[in-house]
């Protein structure tokens, strides 16, 4: 049962990966481009957050009662940048849920599959991507866990 609990965030991650758009992802100087689909509009980051809070809450059920989904998301009043963070204490489980939450936010904001998939690739330093109407940044380290943001471009 313990190995199933440890693998569940990864399985959840794989289950929720979907969607395409046009955009680029930069990782270590390499760009990835893909196209199709229509992104969320700039005014939709609140809806992106609400959708992903619901999905994250569903994923958290049965794993912990010490975390709530809203601990992973921050959307300031101007609603121009949605941030996803790993709540303290940083552990493999909280990091995995933060990654899943970030992938949800990027996907719901219309990021291309190539950019969403890039979030889970280990890399040194901050990574970034851009697609129609939005930019995204992400990074992960042992102390602060996984962090990402989706911002309205321009």
Foldseek 3Di string as FASTA:
>chain_A
DVVCLLCLLVVLLVVPQDAFAFKWWAAPRDIDTDHDDDFDAQVCLVVLLVVLQVVLQVSCPPNDPPDHSCQQWDQDPVRFKIKGFQDPPDDSVSLSSSLSSVLSSCVNRRHGSVNSVVSPDAHPDKIKMDGPQWIKIWHADDHGHIMMMIGGDD
